[in-house]
Amino acid sequence: MEDIVCRYILNHLDTHSILTQLTQHQHGFRKAHSFESKLLLTVNDLMCSYDKKIQSDVAILDFSRAVDTVPHESLLEKLDHYGIGGKIQEWIRTFLCSRQMWVAVDGE
């Protein structure tokens, strides 16, 4: 189900050029733009700076837990703002706000 919702949202964002409006440097979640393409551009920029003897500073951030810290209501408002509403937004709301998790140890 997540894959279907993801494809719907990405198609919507692509059709309405929403990600490209937000930033031309956005590489995640866009066709022909990936982590690898961003990495290649970054390495190229660093090597050009090195060749020109220009200092480069790098900050590395870990967003792996970002989904757990995003204010869910704000995210849902942004989805609505960008035209993602109806059943898709309700499904996302249920996933974010009404989920519970259990851990079983030794089958219990």
Foldseek 3Di string as FASTA:
>chain_A
DVVVLLVVVLVLCVVVVVVVVVDVLDQPSHPPRHPVVNVVVVVVVVVVCVVVVHDDDDDDDDCPCVVVVPPVVVVLVVCVVSPNDDPSSVVVCCVNPVDDDDDDDPND
